[in-house]
Protein backbone atom coordinates (compact mmCIF):
# COMPACT_ATOMS: atom_id res chain seq x y z
CA MET A 1 0.00 0.00 0.00
CA ALA A 2 2.82 2.39 0.82
CA LYS A 3 4.26 4.59 -1.87
CA GLU A 4 6.51 7.62 -2.03
CA LEU A 5 5.13 10.93 -0.90
CA PRO A 6 4.68 13.57 -3.59
CA THR A 7 7.18 16.44 -3.78
CA SER A 8 4.83 18.72 -1.90
CA ARG A 9 5.36 17.70 1.73
CA LEU A 10 3.21 18.23 4.76
CA ALA A 11 4.13 21.51 6.43
CA ARG A 12 3.04 20.85 9.98
CA GLY A 13 1.89 23.49 12.38
CA THR A 14 3.12 24.75 15.71
CA LYS A 15 1.26 26.58 18.45
CA LEU A 16 2.80 29.83 17.21
CA GLY A 17 1.82 29.19 13.60
CA VAL A 18 5.46 29.25 12.42
CA ALA A 19 6.39 27.05 9.47
CA VAL A 20 8.32 23.94 10.43
CA ALA A 21 10.68 23.05 7.61
CA GLY A 22 12.03 19.58 7.05
CA ASN A 23 9.35 17.70 9.00
CA VAL A 24 7.77 14.98 6.88
CA LEU A 25 4.72 13.01 7.93
CA ARG A 26 5.51 9.35 8.48
CA ALA A 27 3.62 8.35 5.36
CA GLN A 28 4.78 4.78 4.98
CA LYS A 29 4.75 4.16 8.71
CA THR A 30 1.25 5.58 8.89
CA ARG A 31 0.03 3.31 6.12
CA ARG A 32 1.60 0.30 7.79
CA SER A 33 0.15 1.18 11.19
CA MET A 34 -3.35 1.63 9.77
CA ARG A 35 -3.17 -1.69 7.99
CA GLY A 36 -1.50 -3.23 11.02
CA ARG A 37 -4.41 -2.27 13.23
CA SER A 38 -6.83 -4.01 10.88
CA GLU A 39 -4.68 -7.12 10.90
CA GLU A 40 -4.44 -6.94 14.69
CA VAL A 41 -8.21 -6.73 14.96
CA ARG A 42 -8.61 -9.71 12.66
CA ALA A 43 -6.27 -11.70 14.87
CA ARG A 44 -8.09 -10.66 18.04
CA MET A 45 -11.44 -11.52 16.55
CA SER A 46 -10.10 -15.04 16.07
CA GLU A 47 -10.01 -15.40 19.82
CA GLU A 48 -13.06 -16.83 21.54
CA SER A 49 -12.87 -14.34 24.40
CA THR A 50 -13.27 -11.35 22.09
CA ILE A 51 -16.27 -12.88 20.35
CA ARG A 52 -17.86 -13.68 23.71
CA ALA A 53 -17.33 -10.15 25.01
CA THR A 54 -18.87 -8.69 21.87
CA GLU A 55 -21.81 -11.11 22.03
CA GLN A 56 -22.40 -10.21 25.66
CA MET A 57 -22.59 -6.53 24.78
CA VAL A 58 -25.01 -7.18 21.92
CA MET A 59 -27.18 -9.46 24.04
CA VAL A 60 -27.48 -6.88 26.81
CA LEU A 61 -28.28 -4.02 24.48
CA GLY A 62 -30.57 -6.28 22.46
CA THR A 63 -32.98 -6.15 25.39
CA MET A 64 -32.87 -2.35 25.38
CA LYS A 65 -34.82 -1.62 22.24
CA GLY A 66 -34.32 2.10 21.77
CA VAL A 67 -30.60 2.16 22.54
CA ALA A 68 -30.06 -1.05 20.57
CA MET A 69 -31.35 0.60 17.42
CA LYS A 70 -28.74 3.34 17.71
CA LEU A 71 -25.97 0.85 18.42
CA GLY A 72 -27.12 -1.14 15.41
CA GLN A 73 -26.55 1.95 13.27
CA ILE A 74 -23.04 2.33 14.67
CA LEU A 75 -22.19 -1.31 14.00
CA SER A 76 -23.68 -1.14 10.51
CA VAL A 77 -20.29 0.11 9.29
CA LEU A 78 -18.69 -3.16 10.37
CA ASP A 79 -17.16 -5.32 7.67
CA LEU A 80 -18.08 -8.86 8.72
CA ASP A 81 -15.19 -10.22 6.67
CA MET A 82 -13.09 -9.05 9.61
CA VAL A 83 -14.72 -11.79 11.67
CA PRO A 84 -13.12 -15.22 11.09
CA PRO A 85 -15.42 -17.69 9.28
CA GLN A 86 -15.74 -19.97 12.32
CA HIS A 87 -17.30 -17.11 14.32
CA ARG A 88 -19.13 -15.24 11.57
CA GLU A 89 -22.50 -17.00 11.82
CA ARG A 90 -22.69 -16.46 15.58
CA PHE A 91 -21.67 -12.83 15.23
CA GLN A 92 -24.22 -12.17 12.49
CA HIS A 93 -26.90 -13.76 14.65
CA ARG A 94 -26.09 -11.42 17.53
CA LEU A 95 -26.09 -8.37 15.27
CA ALA A 96 -29.48 -9.46 13.92
CA ILE A 97 -30.86 -8.89 17.42
CA LEU A 98 -30.05 -5.21 17.01
CA ARG A 99 -31.15 -5.01 13.40
CA ASP A 100 -34.50 -6.60 14.12
CA SER A 101 -35.19 -4.65 17.30
CA ALA A 102 -37.17 -1.98 15.46
CA PRO A 103 -40.89 -2.42 16.15
CA GLN A 104 -43.13 -3.80 13.42
CA VAL A 105 -45.96 -1.28 13.52
CA SER A 106 -49.05 -1.16 11.31
CA PHE A 107 -49.90 1.87 9.23
CA GLU A 108 -53.08 2.34 11.27
CA ALA A 109 -51.07 2.54 14.49
CA MET A 110 -48.68 5.09 13.01
CA CYS A 111 -51.61 7.17 11.75
CA ALA A 112 -52.99 7.13 15.28
CA VAL A 113 -49.78 8.74 16.52
CA ILE A 114 -50.23 11.60 14.03
CA GLU A 115 -53.90 12.10 14.79
CA GLN A 116 -53.34 12.02 18.54
CA ASP A 117 -50.60 14.65 18.34
CA PHE A 118 -52.64 17.03 16.18
CA GLY A 119 -56.14 16.18 17.33
CA ARG A 120 -57.25 16.02 13.70
CA ALA A 121 -57.90 13.31 11.13
CA ILE A 122 -54.97 12.54 8.85
CA GLY A 123 -57.09 13.51 5.82
CA GLU A 124 -57.45 17.02 7.22
CA LEU A 125 -53.69 17.35 7.57
CA PHE A 126 -52.59 15.84 4.25
CA ALA A 127 -54.14 15.67 0.79
CA GLU A 128 -52.36 12.35 0.18
CA PHE A 129 -50.47 10.04 2.52
CA GLU A 130 -48.74 6.93 1.12
CA PRO A 131 -49.19 3.96 3.47
CA GLU A 132 -45.86 2.30 2.70
CA PRO A 133 -42.88 3.83 4.56
CA ILE A 134 -40.02 5.01 2.38
CA ALA A 135 -37.39 4.76 5.14
CA ALA A 136 -36.88 3.67 8.73
CA ALA A 137 -35.28 5.96 11.29
CA SER A 138 -33.80 4.74 14.56
CA ILE A 139 -36.96 5.61 16.49
CA GLY A 140 -39.57 5.88 13.76
CA GLN A 141 -40.57 5.53 10.11
CA VAL A 142 -40.68 8.00 7.24
CA TYR A 143 -43.63 8.35 4.86
CA ARG A 144 -44.21 10.33 1.71
CA ALA A 145 -47.21 12.64 1.59
CA ARG A 146 -48.65 15.70 -0.14
CA LEU A 147 -49.99 18.81 1.54
CA HIS A 148 -53.24 20.47 0.47
CA ASP A 149 -51.22 23.25 -1.20
CA GLY A 150 -49.52 20.64 -3.42
CA ARG A 151 -46.12 20.44 -1.73
CA ARG A 152 -44.54 16.99 -1.49
CA VAL A 153 -43.29 16.25 2.01
CA ALA A 154 -41.56 13.57 4.04
CA VAL A 155 -43.29 12.74 7.32
CA LYS A 156 -41.24 11.13 10.10
CA VAL A 157 -43.39 9.48 12.74
CA GLN A 158 -42.17 7.99 16.01
CA TYR A 159 -43.08 4.42 16.85
CA PRO A 160 -45.85 4.28 19.47
CA GLY A 161 -44.32 4.17 22.94
CA ILE A 162 -40.71 4.43 21.72
CA ASP A 163 -40.13 7.55 23.83
CA ALA A 164 -40.91 5.63 27.03
CA ALA A 165 -38.77 2.70 25.87
CA VAL A 166 -35.74 4.88 25.17
CA ARG A 167 -36.02 6.72 28.48
CA ALA A 168 -36.27 3.39 30.31
CA ASP A 169 -33.22 2.13 28.44
CA LEU A 170 -31.24 5.19 29.41
CA LYS A 171 -32.10 4.69 33.09
CA ASN A 172 -30.93 1.09 32.81
CA LEU A 173 -27.60 2.02 31.23
CA ALA A 174 -26.08 2.69 34.63
CA MET A 175 -27.21 -0.75 35.81
CA PHE A 176 -25.49 -2.40 32.86
CA ARG A 177 -22.38 -0.23 32.98
CA ARG A 178 -20.11 -3.00 34.25
CA ILE A 179 -21.24 -5.39 31.52
CA LEU A 180 -20.89 -2.69 28.88
CA ALA A 181 -17.43 -1.73 30.10
CA THR A 182 -16.27 -5.34 29.76
CA ALA A 183 -16.99 -5.35 26.05
CA MET A 184 -16.62 -1.61 25.43
CA PRO A 185 -13.80 -0.23 27.57
CA TRP A 186 -14.47 3.32 26.41
CA VAL A 187 -17.86 3.28 28.18
CA THR A 188 -17.06 5.72 30.96
CA PRO A 189 -19.50 7.81 33.03
CA ALA A 190 -18.88 10.68 30.61
CA VAL A 191 -19.80 8.46 27.66
CA LEU A 192 -23.01 7.38 29.37
CA ASP A 193 -23.86 11.01 30.13
CA GLU A 194 -23.29 11.92 26.48
CA LEU A 195 -25.42 8.97 25.35
CA ARG A 196 -28.26 9.90 27.70
CA LEU A 197 -28.21 13.54 26.69
CA HIS A 198 -28.17 13.05 22.93
CA LEU A 199 -30.34 9.96 22.60
CA GLU A 200 -33.09 11.59 24.61
CA SER A 201 -32.80 14.70 22.46
CA GLU A 202 -33.67 12.56 19.43
CA LEU A 203 -37.14 12.08 20.89
CA ASP A 204 -37.93 15.78 20.65
CA TYR A 205 -39.15 16.32 17.11
CA VAL A 206 -40.20 19.89 17.88
CA THR A 207 -36.61 20.86 18.62
CA GLU A 208 -35.31 18.77 15.72
CA ALA A 209 -37.68 20.50 13.29
CA ALA A 210 -36.41 23.90 14.45
CA THR A 211 -32.79 22.72 14.18
CA GLN A 212 -33.30 21.31 10.71
CA ARG A 213 -34.82 24.55 9.47
CA GLN A 214 -31.84 26.51 10.86
CA ILE A 215 -29.38 24.18 9.11
CA ALA A 216 -31.37 24.35 5.88
CA GLU A 217 -31.08 28.14 6.06
CA LEU A 218 -27.38 27.88 6.90
CA TYR A 219 -26.76 25.92 3.68
CA THR A 220 -29.07 27.99 1.48
CA ASP A 221 -27.78 28.11 -2.13
CA HIS A 222 -24.86 25.81 -1.36
CA PRO A 223 -23.43 24.35 -4.59
CA PHE A 224 -23.38 20.70 -3.50
CA ILE A 225 -24.91 20.36 -0.01
CA VAL A 226 -28.64 20.54 0.62
CA VAL A 227 -30.65 20.13 3.80
CA PRO A 228 -34.39 19.78 3.10
CA THR A 229 -36.18 22.46 5.05
CA SER A 230 -38.51 21.37 7.82
CA MET A 231 -41.95 22.72 8.58
CA PRO A 232 -42.09 23.34 12.34
CA GLU A 233 -45.66 24.62 12.04
CA LEU A 234 -46.70 21.14 10.85
CA SER A 235 -44.49 19.21 13.29
CA SER A 236 -45.15 17.97 16.81
CA THR A 237 -43.47 15.99 19.58
CA HIS A 238 -43.85 12.72 17.64
CA VAL A 239 -44.21 13.93 14.04
CA LEU A 240 -41.71 15.85 11.87
CA VAL A 241 -42.70 17.15 8.45
CA SER A 242 -40.07 18.34 6.00
CA GLU A 243 -39.55 19.02 2.32
CA TYR A 244 -39.38 15.82 0.27
CA PHE A 245 -36.05 15.37 -1.52
CA PRO A 246 -35.97 12.70 -4.23
CA GLY A 247 -32.61 11.05 -4.61
CA ARG A 248 -30.53 7.91 -4.84
CA SER A 249 -30.04 5.96 -1.65
CA PHE A 250 -26.60 5.28 -0.21
CA THR A 251 -26.87 1.68 -1.43
CA GLN A 252 -27.35 2.97 -4.97
CA VAL A 253 -24.49 5.44 -4.58
CA ARG A 254 -22.18 2.54 -3.66
CA GLU A 255 -22.80 1.08 -7.12
CA LEU A 256 -21.62 4.22 -8.94
CA PRO A 257 -18.20 4.53 -10.66
CA ALA A 258 -15.25 5.37 -8.42
CA ALA A 259 -15.01 9.03 -9.49
CA GLU A 260 -18.63 9.68 -8.51
CA ARG A 261 -18.23 7.84 -5.20
CA ASN A 262 -15.11 9.85 -4.45
CA ARG A 263 -16.99 13.09 -5.10
CA VAL A 264 -19.83 12.06 -2.78
CA GLY A 265 -17.26 10.96 -0.20
CA GLU A 266 -15.62 14.39 -0.20
CA ILE A 267 -19.02 16.04 0.25
CA ILE A 268 -19.83 13.73 3.17
CA TYR A 269 -16.46 14.53 4.78
CA ARG A 270 -16.96 18.26 4.35
CA PHE A 271 -20.46 18.22 5.79
CA TYR A 272 -19.99 15.94 8.78
CA VAL A 273 -16.44 16.95 9.77
CA GLY A 274 -15.70 20.26 8.08
CA SER A 275 -18.84 21.99 9.33
CA LEU A 276 -17.51 21.85 12.90
CA TYR A 277 -14.54 23.98 11.94
CA SER A 278 -16.41 26.27 9.55
CA PHE A 279 -19.44 26.98 11.72
CA GLY A 280 -18.73 25.55 15.19
CA GLU A 281 -21.61 23.10 14.80
CA PHE A 282 -22.12 19.70 13.27
CA CYS A 283 -24.44 16.73 12.91
CA GLY A 284 -23.48 13.92 15.27
CA ASP A 285 -25.26 11.14 13.38
CA PRO A 286 -23.32 10.28 10.19
CA HIS A 287 -25.12 7.24 8.82
CA PRO A 288 -25.77 5.81 5.32
CA GLY A 289 -29.54 6.09 5.85
CA ASN A 290 -29.23 9.85 6.29
CA ILE A 291 -27.65 10.53 2.88
CA LEU A 292 -29.28 10.96 -0.55
CA LEU A 293 -27.73 11.88 -3.91
CA GLY A 294 -29.94 14.17 -5.99
CA GLU A 295 -30.20 14.14 -9.77
CA ASP A 296 -28.49 17.55 -9.85
CA GLY A 297 -25.43 16.15 -8.06
CA ARG A 298 -26.16 17.75 -4.72
CA VAL A 299 -26.04 15.53 -1.65
CA ALA A 300 -28.91 15.82 0.81
CA PHE A 301 -28.40 15.21 4.51
CA LEU A 302 -31.25 14.14 6.74
CA ASP A 303 -32.02 13.56 10.42
CA PHE A 304 -30.87 16.22 12.89
CA GLY A 305 -31.96 14.81 16.22
CA LEU A 306 -28.30 14.55 17.19
CA TYR A 307 -26.85 17.98 16.52
CA ASN A 308 -24.22 19.82 18.48
CA ARG A 309 -22.86 23.32 18.71
CA MET A 310 -19.41 23.84 20.21
CA GLN A 311 -17.87 26.87 21.83
CA PRO A 312 -15.01 28.48 19.88
CA ASP A 313 -12.44 27.57 22.54
CA ASP A 314 -13.50 23.90 22.33
CA VAL A 315 -13.07 23.98 18.55
CA ASP A 316 -9.69 25.67 18.92
CA PHE A 317 -8.58 23.03 21.41
CA GLU A 318 -9.40 20.24 18.96
CA LEU A 319 -7.52 22.02 16.19
CA ALA A 320 -4.50 22.52 18.47
CA CYS A 321 -4.46 18.80 19.25
CA ILE A 322 -4.72 17.88 15.58
CA ARG A 323 -1.81 20.17 14.71
CA ALA A 324 0.30 18.74 17.53
CA ALA A 325 -0.44 15.18 16.38
CA ALA A 326 0.33 16.05 12.76
CA ASP A 327 3.67 17.52 13.82
CA ASP A 328 4.57 14.59 16.11
CA ARG A 329 4.79 17.12 18.98
CA ALA A 330 3.98 14.52 21.58
CA GLU A 331 4.94 16.60 24.62
CA ASP A 332 2.89 19.58 23.41
CA LEU A 333 -0.09 17.30 22.84
CA ARG A 334 0.28 15.78 26.31
CA GLN A 335 0.44 19.23 27.89
CA LEU A 336 -2.68 20.35 26.02
CA MET A 337 -4.59 17.34 27.32
CA ILE A 338 -3.32 17.84 30.88
CA GLU A 339 -4.40 21.48 30.88
CA ARG A 340 -7.78 20.45 29.51
CA GLY A 341 -8.27 17.93 32.29
CA ILE A 342 -8.33 14.95 29.95
CA ILE A 343 -5.23 13.51 31.56
CA ASP A 344 -5.69 13.65 35.31
CA SER A 345 -2.72 11.43 36.19
CA PRO A 346 0.18 12.85 34.15
CA GLU A 347 2.72 10.52 35.74
CA GLU A 348 0.89 7.56 34.20
CA VAL A 349 0.83 8.82 30.62
CA THR A 350 3.92 9.26 28.46
CA PRO A 351 3.99 11.74 25.57
CA GLU A 352 4.38 8.84 23.14
CA GLU A 353 1.28 7.09 24.51
CA CYS A 354 -0.66 10.31 24.21
CA LEU A 355 0.44 10.81 20.59
CA GLU A 356 -0.32 7.25 19.51
CA TYR A 357 -3.69 7.39 21.27
CA CYS A 358 -4.65 10.42 19.19
CA LEU A 359 -3.19 9.11 15.95
CA SER A 360 -5.19 5.92 16.30
CA ALA A 361 -8.29 8.07 15.78
CA ILE A 362 -7.19 10.75 13.30
CA GLU A 363 -4.12 9.62 11.39
CA TRP A 364 -6.16 8.76 8.30
CA ALA A 365 -6.78 12.51 7.92
CA LEU A 366 -3.10 13.36 8.42
CA LEU A 367 -1.63 11.26 5.62
CA ASP A 368 -0.59 13.57 2.80
CA GLU A 369 -1.41 11.31 -0.12
CA GLU A 370 -4.41 9.63 -1.64
CA LEU A 371 -5.97 7.03 0.62
CA THR A 372 -8.83 4.69 -0.14
CA ILE A 373 -10.89 4.18 3.00
CA THR A 374 -11.91 0.54 2.86
CA PRO A 375 -14.46 -1.29 4.99
CA GLU A 376 -11.51 -3.13 6.50
CA LEU A 377 -9.87 0.07 7.75
CA ALA A 378 -13.18 1.38 9.10
CA SER A 379 -13.95 -1.97 10.74
CA GLY A 380 -10.54 -2.01 12.36
CA ALA A 381 -11.49 1.18 14.18
CA ALA A 382 -14.97 -0.15 15.03
CA VAL A 383 -13.82 -3.45 16.47
CA LEU A 384 -10.96 -1.88 18.40
CA ALA A 385 -13.64 0.17 20.15
CA ILE A 386 -15.46 -2.94 21.37
CA ASP A 387 -12.38 -5.10 21.98
CA PRO A 388 -11.79 -5.29 25.75
CA ARG A 389 -8.03 -5.12 25.18
CA ALA A 390 -8.13 -2.68 22.31
CA SER A 391 -6.04 0.03 23.88
CA GLU A 392 -2.37 -0.80 24.05
CA TYR A 393 -1.73 2.56 25.66
CA SER A 394 -2.31 1.62 29.27
CA GLY A 395 -1.94 5.11 30.61
CA MET A 396 -4.77 6.40 28.42
CA LYS A 397 -7.35 3.79 29.44
CA GLN A 398 -8.59 5.63 32.50
CA GLN A 399 -8.57 9.14 31.09
CA THR A 400 -11.80 11.07 30.61
CA LEU A 401 -12.73 12.88 27.43
CA PRO A 402 -15.18 15.73 28.13
CA PRO A 403 -18.69 15.25 26.67
CA GLU A 404 -18.27 18.10 24.18
CA HIS A 405 -15.31 16.28 22.62
CA LEU A 406 -16.83 12.80 22.91
CA PHE A 407 -19.59 13.92 20.58
CA SER A 408 -17.21 15.24 17.92
CA ARG A 409 -15.05 12.09 18.12
CA ARG A 410 -18.17 9.99 17.63
CA ALA A 411 -19.01 12.01 14.52
CA ASP A 412 -15.48 11.47 13.18
CA PHE A 413 -15.64 7.75 13.84
CA MET A 414 -19.01 7.38 12.13
CA THR A 415 -17.90 9.48 9.15
CA PHE A 416 -14.87 7.21 8.77
CA GLY A 417 -17.22 4.24 8.75
CA VAL A 418 -19.53 5.76 6.13
CA LEU A 419 -16.58 6.58 3.87
CA GLY A 420 -15.35 3.01 4.33
CA GLN A 421 -18.69 1.66 3.11
CA LEU A 422 -18.35 3.96 0.10
CA GLU A 423 -14.69 2.95 -0.45
CA ALA A 424 -13.97 6.59 -1.21
CA THR A 425 -10.50 7.73 -2.26
CA ASN A 426 -9.05 11.17 -1.68
CA ASN A 427 -6.20 13.07 -0.14
CA TRP A 428 -8.24 13.68 2.99
CA HIS A 429 -5.43 15.65 4.57
CA ARG A 430 -5.34 18.22 1.77
CA ILE A 431 -9.07 18.79 2.29
CA ALA A 432 -8.66 18.99 6.08
CA ARG A 433 -5.88 21.59 5.76
CA GLU A 434 -8.58 24.10 4.92
CA TRP A 435 -9.84 23.98 8.50
CA ILE A 436 -6.65 22.82 10.25
CA TYR A 437 -4.42 25.60 8.85
CA GLY A 438 -6.71 27.85 6.82
CA ASP A 439 -5.09 26.77 3.54
CA ALA A 440 -6.69 27.60 0.22
CA PRO A 441 -8.72 24.68 -1.17
CA VAL A 442 -7.07 22.40 -3.73
CA THR A 443 -10.15 20.46 -4.91
CA GLU A 444 -12.87 21.77 -7.19
CA LEU A 445 -15.48 21.13 -4.50
CA GLY A 446 -13.33 23.03 -2.03
CA LYS A 447 -13.12 26.01 -4.37
CA GLU A 448 -16.89 25.98 -4.86
CA HIS A 449 -17.41 25.79 -1.10
CA GLN A 450 -14.95 28.65 -0.50
CA ALA A 451 -16.72 30.84 -3.08
CA TRP A 452 -20.04 30.12 -1.36
CA LEU A 453 -18.57 30.99 2.05
CA ALA A 454 -17.27 34.28 0.68
CA GLN A 455 -20.83 35.32 -0.15
CA ARG A 456 -22.02 34.67 3.41
CA PRO A 457 -21.89 37.04 6.41
CA ALA A 458 -18.58 37.10 8.28
CA PRO A 459 -18.14 33.93 10.41
CA ARG A 460 -18.01 34.14 14.15
CA SER A 461 -14.59 34.44 15.77
CA GLY A 462 -12.90 31.22 16.79
CA THR A 463 -13.82 29.22 13.70
CA ALA A 464 -11.34 28.17 11.05
CA ALA A 465 -13.13 30.42 8.56
CA ALA A 466 -12.59 33.43 10.81
CA ARG A 467 -8.91 32.57 11.28
CA LYS A 468 -8.46 32.26 7.54
CA LYS A 469 -10.10 35.66 7.01
CA SER A 470 -7.74 37.28 9.50
CA GLY A 471 -4.67 35.35 8.30
CA SER A 472 -3.99 33.98 11.78
CA GLY A 473 -2.65 30.45 11.89
CA LYS A 474 -2.40 30.16 8.13
CA ARG A 475 -0.15 27.33 7.00
CA ARG A 476 0.83 26.18 3.53
CA SER A 477 2.68 23.15 2.23
CA LYS A 478 6.02 23.78 0.63
CA ALA A 479 6.12 22.97 -3.06
């Protein structure tokens, strides 16, 4: 897989924003380590103990319907070829518990949810309402309908009683924490708090409708990203009505030629990851079911129950850590994490452990050459997360990542998984340099996005866009 780096090398950043000459990203080592992790996972999955731990986790969460649906989405990025043949059937059976946990609800029962929320017959609300759902969300189903004024809409309806089920699941998470921690060592109290907060927020369709409309307005007239606008006036606690966007499903996109998949992959990366650094906010639910490719080439993004807005200093902290990791400044990275309170026992964590811990999550975006994200690479990250001995960096095991950063790391992880399912190829680092260093875009999509940004009101201070405008922290690769 490894090949020589191009002449243009990675110019890595420092805290002072001064060019560091002569530092070259460990391209071949990075490639080997990424592949090595996948091979390591494959070997670990051959062991009975790992399979049992994973099965135990799935069995426990399989009894917790609402939470299980969300976990099923997370594990949907898993490449089952990573699981040795002798264990594959058992593993697929356990995953089926999560996949099949969604309620089977009749159309009449779903209509009753709508009519109860609005106190009106469905025929009064909609001129037409197709009885067959067009999609399934984690806590509901989506139908196509037409309003009396002729507009085509998508109607997302919660399963009857799912709100009570999810809230009961979240209360039980603490009870099952020890079991979860056995199979998922990253399940800390902070993780559980983040899960409670954001999963419960998915139940509030009123808030989601308002959020979706704000994001739709944010991306108004964007050249390749579209968010269908919602209709808060027609939405309720259990029903969300939004503009209907016809498009190809993610499954259909996967069948397209490589060039088209690569283009969609770049758009996905820019929306789910880049938006954090452009606007200080991002969707925390990257998932194939939330992506549609329109006939005009724009990519539509759906489902905004999990949405987060970060303070500028939190965004700046993440960028500082990324720059330190890119530059192999292990001691600087360790000091940043100590000051942030992530490392509360500095004597137990070496700078090298801290660096490798961070690279294990983000190095795919620091490699300055084209990289095809395969299901194997994405699965390596997924299985390492549920492997009870996944972390070889002992000093990092007990550290606590604040909730605001847990959410963004989850979004990164899920984006990586989606791109793996797409098998998208790009120089992800060159794209990321736009928000890491404020570099000028090098891709056509990047140039279109930059031109669109230039037409918008000035961004708030603290974002990468604001830093680029002021020239602060600007870094360029040396040709």
